[in-house]
PDB file of all heavy atoms in Angstrom:
ATOM      1  N   GLY A   1      59.674  37.241 301.520  1.00  0.00           N
ATOM      2  CA  GLY A   1      59.274  37.031 302.905  1.00  0.00           C
ATOM      3  C   GLY A   1      57.953  37.667 303.258  1.00  0.00           C
ATOM      4  O   GLY A   1      57.389  37.380 304.320  1.00  0.00           O
ATOM      5  N   THR A   2      57.433  38.544 302.375  1.00  0.00           N
ATOM      6  CA  THR A   2      56.147  39.194 302.609  1.00  0.00           C
ATOM      7  C   THR A   2      55.023  38.245 302.214  1.00  0.00           C
ATOM      8  O   THR A   2      54.882  37.879 301.046  1.00  0.00           O
ATOM      9  CB  THR A   2      56.028  40.488 301.787  1.00  0.00           C
ATOM     10  OG1 THR A   2      57.115  41.353 302.095  1.00  0.00           O
ATOM     11  CG2 THR A   2      54.704  41.194 302.084  1.00  0.00           C
ATOM     12  N   VAL A   3      54.219  37.845 303.173  1.00  0.00           N
ATOM     13  CA  VAL A   3      53.032  37.044 302.859  1.00  0.00           C
ATOM     14  C   VAL A   3      52.010  37.983 302.245  1.00  0.00           C
ATOM     15  O   VAL A   3      51.719  39.051 302.790  1.00  0.00           O
ATOM     16  CB  VAL A   3      52.461  36.387 304.132  1.00  0.00           C
ATOM     17  CG1 VAL A   3      51.212  35.577 303.789  1.00  0.00           C
ATOM     18  CG2 VAL A   3      53.508  35.508 304.803  1.00  0.00           C
ATOM     19  N   HIS A   4      51.450  37.605 301.107  1.00  0.00           N
ATOM     20  CA  HIS A   4      50.520  38.504 300.432  1.00  0.00           C
ATOM     21  C   HIS A   4      49.314  37.750 299.893  1.00  0.00           C
ATOM     22  O   HIS A   4      49.394  36.617 299.457  1.00  0.00           O
ATOM     23  CB  HIS A   4      51.211  39.278 299.311  1.00  0.00           C
ATOM     24  CG  HIS A   4      52.020  38.439 298.369  1.00  0.00           C
ATOM     25  ND1 HIS A   4      53.211  37.842 298.729  1.00  0.00           N
ATOM     26  CD2 HIS A   4      51.814  38.097 297.077  1.00  0.00           C
ATOM     27  CE1 HIS A   4      53.702  37.176 297.702  1.00  0.00           C
ATOM     28  NE2 HIS A   4      52.865  37.297 296.682  1.00  0.00           N
ATOM     29  N   ARG A   5      48.185  38.455 299.970  1.00  0.00           N
ATOM     30  CA  ARG A   5      46.899  37.913 299.518  1.00  0.00           C
ATOM     31  C   ARG A   5      46.160  38.991 298.737  1.00  0.00           C
ATOM     32  O   ARG A   5      45.924  40.083 299.249  1.00  0.00           O
ATOM     33  CB  ARG A   5      46.057  37.478 300.717  1.00  0.00           C
ATOM     34  CG  ARG A   5      44.651  37.006 300.346  1.00  0.00           C
ATOM     35  CD  ARG A   5      43.699  37.111 301.519  1.00  0.00           C
ATOM     36  NE  ARG A   5      42.407  36.476 301.252  1.00  0.00           N
ATOM     37  CZ  ARG A   5      41.365  36.533 302.069  1.00  0.00           C
ATOM     38  NH1 ARG A   5      41.466  37.191 303.220  1.00  0.00           N
ATOM     39  NH2 ARG A   5      40.231  35.938 301.760  1.00  0.00           N
ATOM     40  N   LEU A   6      45.802  38.704 297.493  1.00  0.00           N
ATOM     41  CA  LEU A   6      45.038  39.635 296.671  1.00  0.00           C
ATOM     42  C   LEU A   6      43.540  39.431 296.898  1.00  0.00           C
ATOM     43  O   LEU A   6      43.042  38.305 296.828  1.00  0.00           O
ATOM     44  CB  LEU A   6      45.368  39.431 295.192  1.00  0.00           C
ATOM     45  CG  LEU A   6      46.617  40.150 294.681  1.00  0.00           C
ATOM     46  CD1 LEU A   6      46.993  39.652 293.295  1.00  0.00           C
ATOM     47  CD2 LEU A   6      46.402  41.657 294.676  1.00  0.00           C
ATOM     48  N   VAL A   7      42.849  40.523 297.136  1.00  0.00           N
ATOM     49  CA  VAL A   7      41.402  40.512 297.329  1.00  0.00           C
ATOM     50  C   VAL A   7      40.768  41.305 296.190  1.00  0.00           C
ATOM     51  O   VAL A   7      41.124  42.468 295.943  1.00  0.00           O
ATOM     52  CB  VAL A   7      41.019  41.140 298.687  1.00  0.00           C
ATOM     53  CG1 VAL A   7      39.505  41.227 298.836  1.00  0.00           C
ATOM     54  CG2 VAL A   7      41.636  40.334 299.826  1.00  0.00           C
ATOM     55  N   ASN A   8      39.821  40.683 295.503  1.00  0.00           N
ATOM     56  CA  ASN A   8      39.142  41.281 294.358  1.00  0.00           C
ATOM     57  C   ASN A   8      37.811  41.864 294.822  1.00  0.00           C
ATOM     58  O   ASN A   8      36.798  41.169 294.856  1.00  0.00           O
ATOM     59  CB  ASN A   8      38.933  40.212 293.282  1.00  0.00           C
ATOM     60  CG  ASN A   8      38.442  40.780 291.967  1.00  0.00           C
ATOM     61  OD1 ASN A   8      38.076  41.940 291.882  1.00  0.00           O
ATOM     62  ND2 ASN A   8      38.440  39.941 290.941  1.00  0.00           N
ATOM     63  N   SER A   9      37.807  43.142 295.162  1.00  0.00           N
ATOM     64  CA  SER A   9      36.616  43.748 295.763  1.00  0.00           C
ATOM     65  C   SER A   9      35.514  43.993 294.735  1.00  0.00           C
ATOM     66  O   SER A   9      34.333  43.764 295.012  1.00  0.00           O
ATOM     67  CB  SER A   9      36.971  45.073 296.436  1.00  0.00           C
ATOM     68  OG  SER A   9      37.932  44.882 297.451  1.00  0.00           O
ATOM     69  N   GLY A  10      35.900  44.480 293.547  1.00  0.00           N
ATOM     70  CA  GLY A  10      34.897  44.859 292.563  1.00  0.00           C
ATOM     71  C   GLY A  10      34.593  43.808 291.529  1.00  0.00           C
ATOM     72  O   GLY A  10      33.702  43.994 290.694  1.00  0.00           O
ATOM     73  N   GLY A  11      35.341  42.715 291.519  1.00  0.00           N
ATOM     74  CA  GLY A  11      35.098  41.644 290.575  1.00  0.00           C
ATOM     75  C   GLY A  11      35.816  41.779 289.254  1.00  0.00           C
ATOM     76  O   GLY A  11      35.730  40.886 288.409  1.00  0.00           O
ATOM     77  N   ASP A  12      36.546  42.887 289.047  1.00  0.00           N
ATOM     78  CA  ASP A  12      37.214  43.079 287.761  1.00  0.00           C
ATOM     79  C   ASP A  12      38.661  43.541 287.928  1.00  0.00           C
ATOM     80  O   ASP A  12      39.185  44.287 287.109  1.00  0.00           O
ATOM     81  CB  ASP A  12      36.447  44.091 286.905  1.00  0.00           C
ATOM     82  CG  ASP A  12      36.295  45.453 287.599  1.00  0.00           C
ATOM     83  OD1 ASP A  12      36.649  45.555 288.792  1.00  0.00           O
ATOM     84  OD2 ASP A  12      35.831  46.396 286.937  1.00  0.00           O
ATOM     85  N   LEU A  13      39.314  43.087 288.979  1.00  0.00           N
ATOM     86  CA  LEU A  13      40.673  43.524 289.288  1.00  0.00           C
ATOM     87  C   LEU A  13      41.679  42.887 288.325  1.00  0.00           C
ATOM     88  O   LEU A  13      41.794  41.663 288.252  1.00  0.00           O
ATOM     89  CB  LEU A  13      41.014  43.162 290.731  1.00  0.00           C
ATOM     90  CG  LEU A  13      42.376  43.611 291.267  1.00  0.00           C
ATOM     91  CD1 LEU A  13      42.522  45.129 291.172  1.00  0.00           C
ATOM     92  CD2 LEU A  13      42.559  43.143 292.711  1.00  0.00           C
ATOM     93  N   GLU A  14      42.392  43.729 287.578  1.00  0.00           N
ATOM     94  CA  GLU A  14      43.409  43.278 286.634  1.00  0.00           C
ATOM     95  C   GLU A  14      44.724  43.989 286.926  1.00  0.00           C
ATOM     96  O   GLU A  14      44.740  45.198 287.177  1.00  0.00           O
ATOM     97  CB  GLU A  14      42.990  43.548 285.186  1.00  0.00           C
ATOM     98  CG  GLU A  14      41.798  42.737 284.735  1.00  0.00           C
ATOM     99  CD  GLU A  14      41.531  42.886 283.248  1.00  0.00           C
ATOM    100  OE1 GLU A  14      42.486  43.173 282.492  1.00  0.00           O
ATOM    101  OE2 GLU A  14      40.370  42.710 282.843  1.00  0.00           O
ATOM    102  N   ILE A  15      45.809  43.227 286.862  1.00  0.00           N
ATOM    103  CA  ILE A  15      47.123  43.727 287.276  1.00  0.00           C
ATOM    104  C   ILE A  15      48.188  43.246 286.303  1.00  0.00           C
ATOM    105  O   ILE A  15      48.126  42.113 285.815  1.00  0.00           O
ATOM    106  CB  ILE A  15      47.454  43.222 288.700  1.00  0.00           C
ATOM    107  CG1 ILE A  15      46.468  43.780 289.721  1.00  0.00           C
ATOM    108  CG2 ILE A  15      48.885  43.567 289.106  1.00  0.00           C
ATOM    109  CD1 ILE A  15      46.613  43.161 291.108  1.00  0.00           C
ATOM    110  N   VAL A  16      49.166  44.099 286.020  1.00  0.00           N
ATOM    111  CA  VAL A  16      50.409  43.652 285.400  1.00  0.00           C
ATOM    112  C   VAL A  16      51.375  43.340 286.538  1.00  0.00           C
ATOM    113  O   VAL A  16      51.631  44.192 287.395  1.00  0.00           O
ATOM    114  CB  VAL A  16      51.006  44.721 284.468  1.00  0.00           C
ATOM    115  CG1 VAL A  16      52.422  44.330 284.050  1.00  0.00           C
ATOM    116  CG2 VAL A  16      50.137  44.888 283.229  1.00  0.00           C
ATOM    117  N   VAL A  17      51.869  42.120 286.555  1.00  0.00           N
ATOM    118  CA  VAL A  17      52.782  41.675 287.610  1.00  0.00           C
ATOM    119  C   VAL A  17      54.207  41.691 287.066  1.00  0.00           C
ATOM    120  O   VAL A  17      54.477  41.141 285.987  1.00  0.00           O
ATOM    121  CB  VAL A  17      52.425  40.258 288.084  1.00  0.00           C
ATOM    122  CG1 VAL A  17      53.387  39.808 289.180  1.00  0.00           C
ATOM    123  CG2 VAL A  17      50.986  40.207 288.585  1.00  0.00           C
ATOM    124  N   VAL A  18      55.102  42.334 287.789  1.00  0.00           N
ATOM    125  CA  VAL A  18      56.523  42.362 287.440  1.00  0.00           C
ATOM    126  C   VAL A  18      57.284  41.592 288.516  1.00  0.00           C
ATOM    127  O   VAL A  18      57.243  41.957 289.688  1.00  0.00           O
ATOM    128  CB  VAL A  18      57.057  43.806 287.346  1.00  0.00           C
ATOM    129  CG1 VAL A  18      58.533  43.807 286.948  1.00  0.00           C
ATOM    130  CG2 VAL A  18      56.234  44.625 286.357  1.00  0.00           C
ATOM    131  N   MET A  19      57.945  40.508 288.097  1.00  0.00           N
ATOM    132  CA  MET A  19      58.664  39.661 289.042  1.00  0.00           C
ATOM    133  C   MET A  19      60.173  39.810 288.872  1.00  0.00           C
ATOM    134  O   MET A  19      60.687  39.807 287.751  1.00  0.00           O
ATOM    135  CB  MET A  19      58.312  38.188 288.830  1.00  0.00           C
ATOM    136  CG  MET A  19      56.916  37.800 289.274  1.00  0.00           C
ATOM    137  SD  MET A  19      56.579  37.974 291.051  1.00  0.00           S
ATOM    138  CE  MET A  19      57.991  37.180 291.792  1.00  0.00           C
ATOM    139  N   GLN A  20      60.872  39.939 289.971  1.00  0.00           N
ATOM    140  CA  GLN A  20      62.326  39.900 289.973  1.00  0.00           C
ATOM    141  C   GLN A  20      62.802  38.480 289.677  1.00  0.00           C
ATOM    142  O   GLN A  20      62.078  37.512 289.874  1.00  0.00           O
ATOM    143  CB  GLN A  20      62.836  40.346 291.352  1.00  0.00           C
ATOM    144  CG  GLN A  20      64.336  40.445 291.487  1.00  0.00           C
ATOM    145  CD  GLN A  20      64.756  40.727 292.921  1.00  0.00           C
ATOM    146  OE1 GLN A  20      64.045  40.397 293.858  1.00  0.00           O
ATOM    147  NE2 GLN A  20      65.907  41.346 293.097  1.00  0.00           N
ATOM    148  N   ASN A  21      64.028  38.372 289.164  1.00  0.00           N
ATOM    149  CA  ASN A  21      64.681  37.066 288.992  1.00  0.00           C
ATOM    150  C   ASN A  21      63.916  36.137 288.065  1.00  0.00           C
ATOM    151  O   ASN A  21      63.528  35.027 288.448  1.00  0.00           O
ATOM    152  CB  ASN A  21      64.894  36.373 290.347  1.00  0.00           C
ATOM    153  CG  ASN A  21      65.766  37.178 291.276  1.00  0.00           C
ATOM    154  OD1 ASN A  21      66.718  37.820 290.846  1.00  0.00           O
ATOM    155  ND2 ASN A  21      65.449  37.154 292.556  1.00  0.00           N
ATOM    156  N   SER A  22      63.697  36.602 286.845  1.00  0.00           N
ATOM    157  CA  SER A  22      62.968  35.787 285.871  1.00  0.00           C
ATOM    158  C   SER A  22      63.524  34.370 285.824  1.00  0.00           C
ATOM    159  O   SER A  22      64.730  34.160 285.728  1.00  0.00           O
ATOM    160  CB  SER A  22      63.089  36.422 284.482  1.00  0.00           C
ATOM    161  OG  SER A  22      62.456  35.631 283.517  1.00  0.00           O
ATOM    162  N   GLY A  23      62.633  33.410 285.902  1.00  0.00           N
ATOM    163  CA  GLY A  23      63.020  32.000 285.915  1.00  0.00           C
ATOM    164  C   GLY A  23      62.894  31.382 287.281  1.00  0.00           C
ATOM    165  O   GLY A  23      62.494  30.217 287.403  1.00  0.00           O
ATOM    166  N   LEU A  24      63.203  32.136 288.332  1.00  0.00           N
ATOM    167  CA  LEU A  24      63.119  31.579 289.682  1.00  0.00           C
ATOM    168  C   LEU A  24      61.682  31.434 290.169  1.00  0.00           C
ATOM    169  O   LEU A  24      61.311  30.364 290.672  1.00  0.00           O
ATOM    170  CB  LEU A  24      63.949  32.409 290.665  1.00  0.00           C
ATOM    171  CG  LEU A  24      65.436  32.034 290.779  1.00  0.00           C
ATOM    172  CD1 LEU A  24      66.176  32.258 289.462  1.00  0.00           C
ATOM    173  CD2 LEU A  24      66.102  32.831 291.881  1.00  0.00           C
ATOM    174  N   PRO A  25      60.820  32.476 290.034  1.00  0.00           N
ATOM    175  CA  PRO A  25      59.433  32.280 290.451  1.00  0.00           C
ATOM    176  C   PRO A  25      58.773  31.130 289.699  1.00  0.00           C
ATOM    177  O   PRO A  25      58.008  30.354 290.279  1.00  0.00           O
ATOM    178  CB  PRO A  25      58.784  33.629 290.110  1.00  0.00           C
ATOM    179  CG  PRO A  25      59.894  34.604 290.188  1.00  0.00           C
ATOM    180  CD  PRO A  25      61.084  33.874 289.631  1.00  0.00           C
ATOM    181  N   GLU A  26      59.081  31.016 288.397  1.00  0.00           N
ATOM    182  CA  GLU A  26      58.506  29.943 287.598  1.00  0.00           C
ATOM    183  C   GLU A  26      59.027  28.574 288.012  1.00  0.00           C
ATOM    184  O   GLU A  26      58.404  27.543 287.721  1.00  0.00           O
ATOM    185  CB  GLU A  26      58.809  30.185 286.109  1.00  0.00           C
ATOM    186  CG  GLU A  26      58.207  31.458 285.537  1.00  0.00           C
ATOM    187  CD  GLU A  26      59.010  32.725 285.811  1.00  0.00           C
ATOM    188  OE1 GLU A  26      60.039  32.656 286.523  1.00  0.00           O
ATOM    189  OE2 GLU A  26      58.614  33.786 285.329  1.00  0.00           O
ATOM    190  N   ALA A  27      60.166  28.555 288.684  1.00  0.00           N
ATOM    191  CA  ALA A  27      60.782  27.296 289.113  1.00  0.00           C
ATOM    192  C   ALA A  27      60.503  26.972 290.574  1.00  0.00           C
ATOM    193  O   ALA A  27      61.186  26.138 291.169  1.00  0.00           O
ATOM    194  CB  ALA A  27      62.293  27.337 288.873  1.00  0.00           C
ATOM    195  N   GLY A  28      59.512  27.644 291.161  1.00  0.00           N
ATOM    196  CA  GLY A  28      59.094  27.251 292.503  1.00  0.00           C
ATOM    197  C   GLY A  28      59.344  28.241 293.616  1.00  0.00           C
ATOM    198  O   GLY A  28      59.171  27.904 294.793  1.00  0.00           O
ATOM    199  N   ASP A  29      59.763  29.493 293.297  1.00  0.00           N
ATOM    200  CA  ASP A  29      60.031  30.478 294.346  1.00  0.00           C
ATOM    201  C   ASP A  29      58.741  31.108 294.875  1.00  0.00           C
ATOM    202  O   ASP A  29      58.552  32.315 294.836  1.00  0.00           O
ATOM    203  CB  ASP A  29      60.964  31.568 293.829  1.00  0.00           C
ATOM    204  CG  ASP A  29      61.101  32.717 294.818  1.00  0.00           C
ATOM    205  OD1 ASP A  29      61.129  32.450 296.030  1.00  0.00           O
ATOM    206  OD2 ASP A  29      61.149  33.885 294.376  1.00  0.00           O
ATOM    207  N   ALA A  30      57.836  30.297 295.313  1.00  0.00           N
ATOM    208  CA  ALA A  30      56.627  30.769 295.982  1.00  0.00           C
ATOM    209  C   ALA A  30      56.100  29.607 296.802  1.00  0.00           C
ATOM    210  O   ALA A  30      56.048  28.477 296.307  1.00  0.00           O
ATOM    211  CB  ALA A  30      55.582  31.234 294.969  1.00  0.00           C
ATOM    212  N   VAL A  31      55.747  29.881 298.018  1.00  0.00           N
ATOM    213  CA  VAL A  31      55.241  28.842 298.918  1.00  0.00           C
ATOM    214  C   VAL A  31      53.871  29.266 299.423  1.00  0.00           C
ATOM    215  O   VAL A  31      53.703  30.370 299.957  1.00  0.00           O
ATOM    216  CB  VAL A  31      56.211  28.616 300.100  1.00  0.00           C
ATOM    217  CG1 VAL A  31      55.610  27.643 301.106  1.00  0.00           C
ATOM    218  CG2 VAL A  31      57.555  28.100 299.590  1.00  0.00           C
TER     219      VAL A  31
END
């Protein structure tokens, strides 16, 4: 439910993303 937007201030922003419910985000759990 949290609307989120990543802003790359320095041009080299790299992140490891950890998602709950493996399989669901890949199946469309993002709008």
